[in-house]
Amino acid sequence: MCLGVPMQVVSVEGRWAQCRGRDGDQLIDLCLVGDVQPGTWLMTFLNTARSVMTAEEAAQNSAALDALAAVLAGADDVSGFFADLIDREPQLPDFLKVAP
């Protein structure tokens, strides 16, 4: 299973960004996302930014990673990590919806 990790840009030099995430600081390649500014959130995988995210998306993804860590540690109830999904049906992204 491959998991992306949200990281926040601290500084930028050329096509590289020093980013801070759940496991500390890391140098991230920006070739797939282009120019970014400090404070920008990125979805990263294998030291490469895959997409730009909002702060809300980064928080939701971090909560999902926290839930996974809790399950691996033996937790039974992870509903608290998915507050954005409680009491509502999950929605498909537009690109997965059937065209009318």
N, C-alpha and C. Protein backbone atom coordinates (compact mmCIF):
# COMPACT_ATOMS: atom_id res chain seq x y z
N MET A 1 0.85 -1.17 0.00
CA MET A 1 0.00 0.00 0.00
C MET A 1 0.90 1.24 0.00
N CYS A 2 0.58 2.18 -0.86
CA CYS A 2 1.32 3.44 -0.95
C CYS A 2 0.51 4.54 -0.28
N LEU A 3 1.17 5.31 0.57
CA LEU A 3 0.49 6.39 1.28
C LEU A 3 1.22 7.70 1.06
N GLY A 4 0.48 8.71 0.64
CA GLY A 4 1.03 10.05 0.55
C GLY A 4 0.96 10.71 1.92
N VAL A 5 1.85 11.66 2.13
CA VAL A 5 1.92 12.36 3.41
C VAL A 5 1.83 13.86 3.17
N PRO A 6 0.89 14.55 3.84
CA PRO A 6 0.83 16.00 3.69
C PRO A 6 2.01 16.68 4.40
N MET A 7 2.61 17.64 3.71
CA MET A 7 3.72 18.40 4.28
C MET A 7 3.54 19.87 3.92
N GLN A 8 4.02 20.74 4.82
CA GLN A 8 3.90 22.18 4.58
C GLN A 8 5.26 22.75 4.20
N VAL A 9 5.26 23.58 3.16
CA VAL A 9 6.48 24.19 2.67
C VAL A 9 7.00 25.21 3.69
N VAL A 10 8.28 25.07 4.03
CA VAL A 10 8.95 26.01 4.94
C VAL A 10 9.76 27.02 4.12
N SER A 11 10.49 26.52 3.13
CA SER A 11 11.28 27.40 2.26
C SER A 11 11.43 26.73 0.90
N VAL A 12 11.74 27.56 -0.11
CA VAL A 12 11.87 27.07 -1.48
C VAL A 12 13.20 27.55 -2.05
N GLU A 13 13.88 26.63 -2.74
CA GLU A 13 15.10 26.99 -3.47
C GLU A 13 15.09 26.23 -4.79
N GLY A 14 14.81 26.97 -5.87
CA GLY A 14 14.73 26.34 -7.18
C GLY A 14 13.55 25.39 -7.25
N ARG A 15 13.83 24.15 -7.66
CA ARG A 15 12.74 23.16 -7.76
C ARG A 15 12.63 22.30 -6.51
N TRP A 16 13.23 22.74 -5.42
CA TRP A 16 13.20 21.99 -4.16
C TRP A 16 12.58 22.82 -3.05
N ALA A 17 11.87 22.16 -2.16
CA ALA A 17 11.28 22.83 -1.00
C ALA A 17 11.66 22.08 0.27
N GLN A 18 12.03 22.84 1.28
CA GLN A 18 12.20 22.25 2.61
C GLN A 18 10.80 22.23 3.21
N CYS A 19 10.32 21.06 3.58
CA CYS A 19 8.95 20.91 4.07
C CYS A 19 8.94 20.29 5.46
N ARG A 20 7.89 20.56 6.20
CA ARG A 20 7.70 20.02 7.55
C ARG A 20 6.43 19.19 7.55
N GLY A 21 6.54 17.98 8.09
CA GLY A 21 5.40 17.08 8.18
C GLY A 21 5.40 16.31 9.48
N ARG A 22 4.58 15.29 9.55
CA ARG A 22 4.37 14.52 10.77
C ARG A 22 5.64 13.83 11.26
N ASP A 23 6.58 13.56 10.36
CA ASP A 23 7.81 12.87 10.74
C ASP A 23 9.03 13.77 10.66
N GLY A 24 8.82 15.09 10.70
CA GLY A 24 9.95 16.01 10.68
C GLY A 24 10.11 16.71 9.35
N ASP A 25 11.30 17.27 9.14
CA ASP A 25 11.59 18.04 7.94
C ASP A 25 12.14 17.13 6.84
N GLN A 26 11.87 17.55 5.60
CA GLN A 26 12.30 16.75 4.46
C GLN A 26 12.45 17.66 3.25
N LEU A 27 13.41 17.35 2.40
CA LEU A 27 13.60 18.07 1.15
C LEU A 27 12.71 17.41 0.09
N ILE A 28 11.84 18.21 -0.54
CA ILE A 28 10.83 17.69 -1.46
C ILE A 28 11.03 18.27 -2.86
N ASP A 29 11.01 17.41 -3.86
CA ASP A 29 11.13 17.79 -5.27
C ASP A 29 9.79 18.38 -5.73
N LEU A 30 9.83 19.54 -6.37
CA LEU A 30 8.62 20.25 -6.81
C LEU A 30 8.34 20.10 -8.31
N CYS A 31 9.07 19.24 -9.01
CA CYS A 31 8.95 19.19 -10.47
C CYS A 31 7.53 18.88 -10.96
N LEU A 32 6.72 18.19 -10.18
CA LEU A 32 5.36 17.84 -10.63
C LEU A 32 4.31 18.91 -10.30
N VAL A 33 4.65 19.85 -9.41
CA VAL A 33 3.65 20.85 -9.00
C VAL A 33 4.01 22.28 -9.37
N GLY A 34 5.24 22.53 -9.76
CA GLY A 34 5.63 23.89 -10.13
C GLY A 34 5.94 24.76 -8.93
N ASP A 35 5.88 26.07 -9.15
CA ASP A 35 6.24 27.04 -8.12
C ASP A 35 5.24 27.02 -6.97
N VAL A 36 5.77 27.06 -5.75
CA VAL A 36 4.95 27.16 -4.54
C VAL A 36 5.59 28.17 -3.60
N GLN A 37 4.84 28.60 -2.63
CA GLN A 37 5.30 29.57 -1.64
C GLN A 37 5.37 28.93 -0.26
N PRO A 38 6.21 29.46 0.63
CA PRO A 38 6.20 28.96 2.01
C PRO A 38 4.78 29.05 2.58
N GLY A 39 4.41 28.02 3.32
CA GLY A 39 3.07 27.93 3.88
C GLY A 39 2.14 27.04 3.07
N THR A 40 2.50 26.75 1.81
CA THR A 40 1.69 25.89 0.95
C THR A 40 1.73 24.46 1.47
N TRP A 41 0.58 23.77 1.38
CA TRP A 41 0.50 22.35 1.75
C TRP A 41 0.64 21.50 0.50
N LEU A 42 1.41 20.42 0.61
CA LEU A 42 1.64 19.50 -0.50
C LEU A 42 1.34 18.07 -0.09
N MET A 43 0.79 17.30 -1.01
CA MET A 43 0.71 15.85 -0.82
C MET A 43 2.01 15.29 -1.39
N THR A 44 2.77 14.58 -0.56
CA THR A 44 4.08 14.09 -0.97
C THR A 44 4.13 12.56 -0.93
N PHE A 45 5.00 12.02 -1.77
CA PHE A 45 5.25 10.58 -1.80
C PHE A 45 6.65 10.39 -2.36
N LEU A 46 7.47 9.62 -1.66
CA LEU A 46 8.84 9.35 -2.09
C LEU A 46 9.61 10.63 -2.40
N ASN A 47 9.57 11.59 -1.47
CA ASN A 47 10.31 12.85 -1.56
C ASN A 47 9.93 13.73 -2.74
N THR A 48 8.72 13.53 -3.27
CA THR A 48 8.24 14.33 -4.39
C THR A 48 6.84 14.85 -4.09
N ALA A 49 6.62 16.14 -4.36
CA ALA A 49 5.27 16.70 -4.23
C ALA A 49 4.42 16.17 -5.38
N ARG A 50 3.27 15.62 -5.06
CA ARG A 50 2.36 15.08 -6.08
C ARG A 50 1.24 16.05 -6.41
N SER A 51 0.83 16.87 -5.41
CA SER A 51 -0.22 17.85 -5.66
C SER A 51 -0.19 18.90 -4.56
N VAL A 52 -0.80 20.05 -4.87
CA VAL A 52 -0.98 21.12 -3.88
C VAL A 52 -2.30 20.86 -3.19
N MET A 53 -2.37 21.07 -1.88
CA MET A 53 -3.57 20.82 -1.09
C MET A 53 -3.96 22.07 -0.31
N THR A 54 -5.21 22.11 0.11
CA THR A 54 -5.64 23.14 1.05
C THR A 54 -5.25 22.70 2.46
N ALA A 55 -5.27 23.63 3.39
CA ALA A 55 -4.99 23.29 4.79
C ALA A 55 -6.02 22.30 5.31
N GLU A 56 -7.28 22.44 4.88
CA GLU A 56 -8.33 21.52 5.31
C GLU A 56 -8.07 20.10 4.78
N GLU A 57 -7.68 19.99 3.52
CA GLU A 57 -7.36 18.68 2.96
C GLU A 57 -6.18 18.05 3.68
N ALA A 58 -5.17 18.87 4.00
CA ALA A 58 -4.01 18.36 4.72
C ALA A 58 -4.41 17.84 6.10
N ALA A 59 -5.28 18.58 6.79
CA ALA A 59 -5.74 18.15 8.12
C ALA A 59 -6.53 16.85 8.03
N GLN A 60 -7.38 16.72 7.03
CA GLN A 60 -8.17 15.49 6.86
C GLN A 60 -7.27 14.30 6.55
N ASN A 61 -6.28 14.50 5.70
CA ASN A 61 -5.35 13.42 5.39
C ASN A 61 -4.49 13.05 6.58
N SER A 62 -4.09 14.03 7.36
CA SER A 62 -3.32 13.75 8.58
C SER A 62 -4.15 12.96 9.58
N ALA A 63 -5.43 13.31 9.70
CA ALA A 63 -6.32 12.57 10.60
C ALA A 63 -6.47 11.12 10.15
N ALA A 64 -6.55 10.89 8.84
CA ALA A 64 -6.65 9.52 8.33
C ALA A 64 -5.37 8.74 8.64
N LEU A 65 -4.21 9.39 8.52
CA LEU A 65 -2.96 8.71 8.87
C LEU A 65 -2.89 8.44 10.37
N ASP A 66 -3.42 9.36 11.18
CA ASP A 66 -3.50 9.12 12.63
C ASP A 66 -4.39 7.92 12.93
N ALA A 67 -5.49 7.79 12.20
CA ALA A 67 -6.40 6.66 12.39
C ALA A 67 -5.70 5.35 12.05
N LEU A 68 -4.96 5.34 10.96
CA LEU A 68 -4.22 4.15 10.56
C LEU A 68 -3.21 3.76 11.64
N ALA A 69 -2.49 4.75 12.17
CA ALA A 69 -1.53 4.47 13.24
C ALA A 69 -2.24 3.93 14.48
N ALA A 70 -3.41 4.47 14.80
CA ALA A 70 -4.17 4.00 15.96
C ALA A 70 -4.62 2.55 15.77
N VAL A 71 -5.09 2.21 14.58
CA VAL A 71 -5.51 0.83 14.30
C VAL A 71 -4.31 -0.11 14.42
N LEU A 72 -3.19 0.30 13.87
CA LEU A 72 -1.99 -0.54 13.96
C LEU A 72 -1.53 -0.72 15.40
N ALA A 73 -1.88 0.25 16.27
CA ALA A 73 -1.54 0.15 17.69
C ALA A 73 -2.61 -0.58 18.49
N GLY A 74 -3.68 -1.04 17.81
CA GLY A 74 -4.70 -1.83 18.48
C GLY A 74 -5.98 -1.12 18.83
N ALA A 75 -6.17 0.11 18.39
CA ALA A 75 -7.40 0.85 18.70
C ALA A 75 -8.60 0.21 18.00
N ASP A 76 -9.75 0.23 18.68
CA ASP A 76 -10.98 -0.33 18.11
C ASP A 76 -11.86 0.73 17.45
N ASP A 77 -11.88 1.93 18.00
CA ASP A 77 -12.77 2.98 17.50
C ASP A 77 -11.94 4.13 16.95
N VAL A 78 -12.03 4.33 15.65
CA VAL A 78 -11.29 5.42 15.02
C VAL A 78 -12.22 6.49 14.45
N SER A 79 -13.49 6.46 14.85
CA SER A 79 -14.46 7.41 14.30
C SER A 79 -14.08 8.86 14.59
N GLY A 80 -13.40 9.10 15.69
CA GLY A 80 -12.99 10.46 16.03
C GLY A 80 -12.02 11.07 15.04
N PHE A 81 -11.35 10.23 14.26
CA PHE A 81 -10.40 10.72 13.27
C PHE A 81 -11.08 11.14 11.96
N PHE A 82 -12.36 10.82 11.83
CA PHE A 82 -13.08 11.08 10.58
C PHE A 82 -14.31 11.94 10.81
N ALA A 83 -14.14 13.03 11.56
CA ALA A 83 -15.26 13.91 11.88
C ALA A 83 -15.95 14.45 10.62
N ASP A 84 -15.18 14.61 9.54
CA ASP A 84 -15.77 15.13 8.29
C ASP A 84 -16.69 14.12 7.61
N LEU A 85 -16.66 12.85 8.03
CA LEU A 85 -17.50 11.83 7.40
C LEU A 85 -18.65 11.35 8.29
N ILE A 86 -18.64 11.73 9.56
CA ILE A 86 -19.68 11.30 10.49
C ILE A 86 -21.01 11.94 10.09
N ASP A 87 -22.07 11.16 10.11
CA ASP A 87 -23.43 11.63 9.83
C ASP A 87 -23.64 12.14 8.41
N ARG A 88 -22.86 11.64 7.46
CA ARG A 88 -23.11 11.99 6.06
C ARG A 88 -22.57 10.88 5.17
N GLU A 89 -23.15 10.78 4.02
CA GLU A 89 -22.71 9.80 3.02
C GLU A 89 -21.47 10.35 2.31
N PRO A 90 -20.40 9.59 2.18
CA PRO A 90 -19.24 10.08 1.44
C PRO A 90 -19.62 10.38 -0.01
N GLN A 91 -19.00 11.40 -0.58
CA GLN A 91 -19.28 11.83 -1.95
C GLN A 91 -18.12 11.45 -2.87
N LEU A 92 -18.46 10.98 -4.06
CA LEU A 92 -17.44 10.71 -5.06
C LEU A 92 -16.89 12.03 -5.60
N PRO A 93 -15.59 12.07 -5.90
CA PRO A 93 -15.07 13.26 -6.59
C PRO A 93 -15.68 13.34 -7.99
N ASP A 94 -15.74 14.55 -8.54
CA ASP A 94 -16.38 14.76 -9.84
C ASP A 94 -15.85 13.84 -10.93
N PHE A 95 -14.53 13.59 -10.93
CA PHE A 95 -13.96 12.78 -12.01
C PHE A 95 -14.35 11.31 -11.93
N LEU A 96 -14.95 10.86 -10.82
CA LEU A 96 -15.42 9.48 -10.69
C LEU A 96 -16.93 9.34 -10.90
N LYS A 97 -17.63 10.46 -10.99
CA LYS A 97 -19.08 10.42 -11.18
C LYS A 97 -19.43 10.07 -12.62
N VAL A 98 -20.55 9.37 -12.79
CA VAL A 98 -21.03 9.02 -14.12
C VAL A 98 -21.54 10.28 -14.80
N ALA A 99 -21.12 10.47 -16.04
CA ALA A 99 -21.56 11.65 -16.80
C ALA A 99 -23.05 11.53 -17.12
N PRO A 100 -23.79 12.66 -17.08
CA PRO A 100 -25.24 12.62 -17.37
C PRO A 100 -25.53 12.29 -18.82
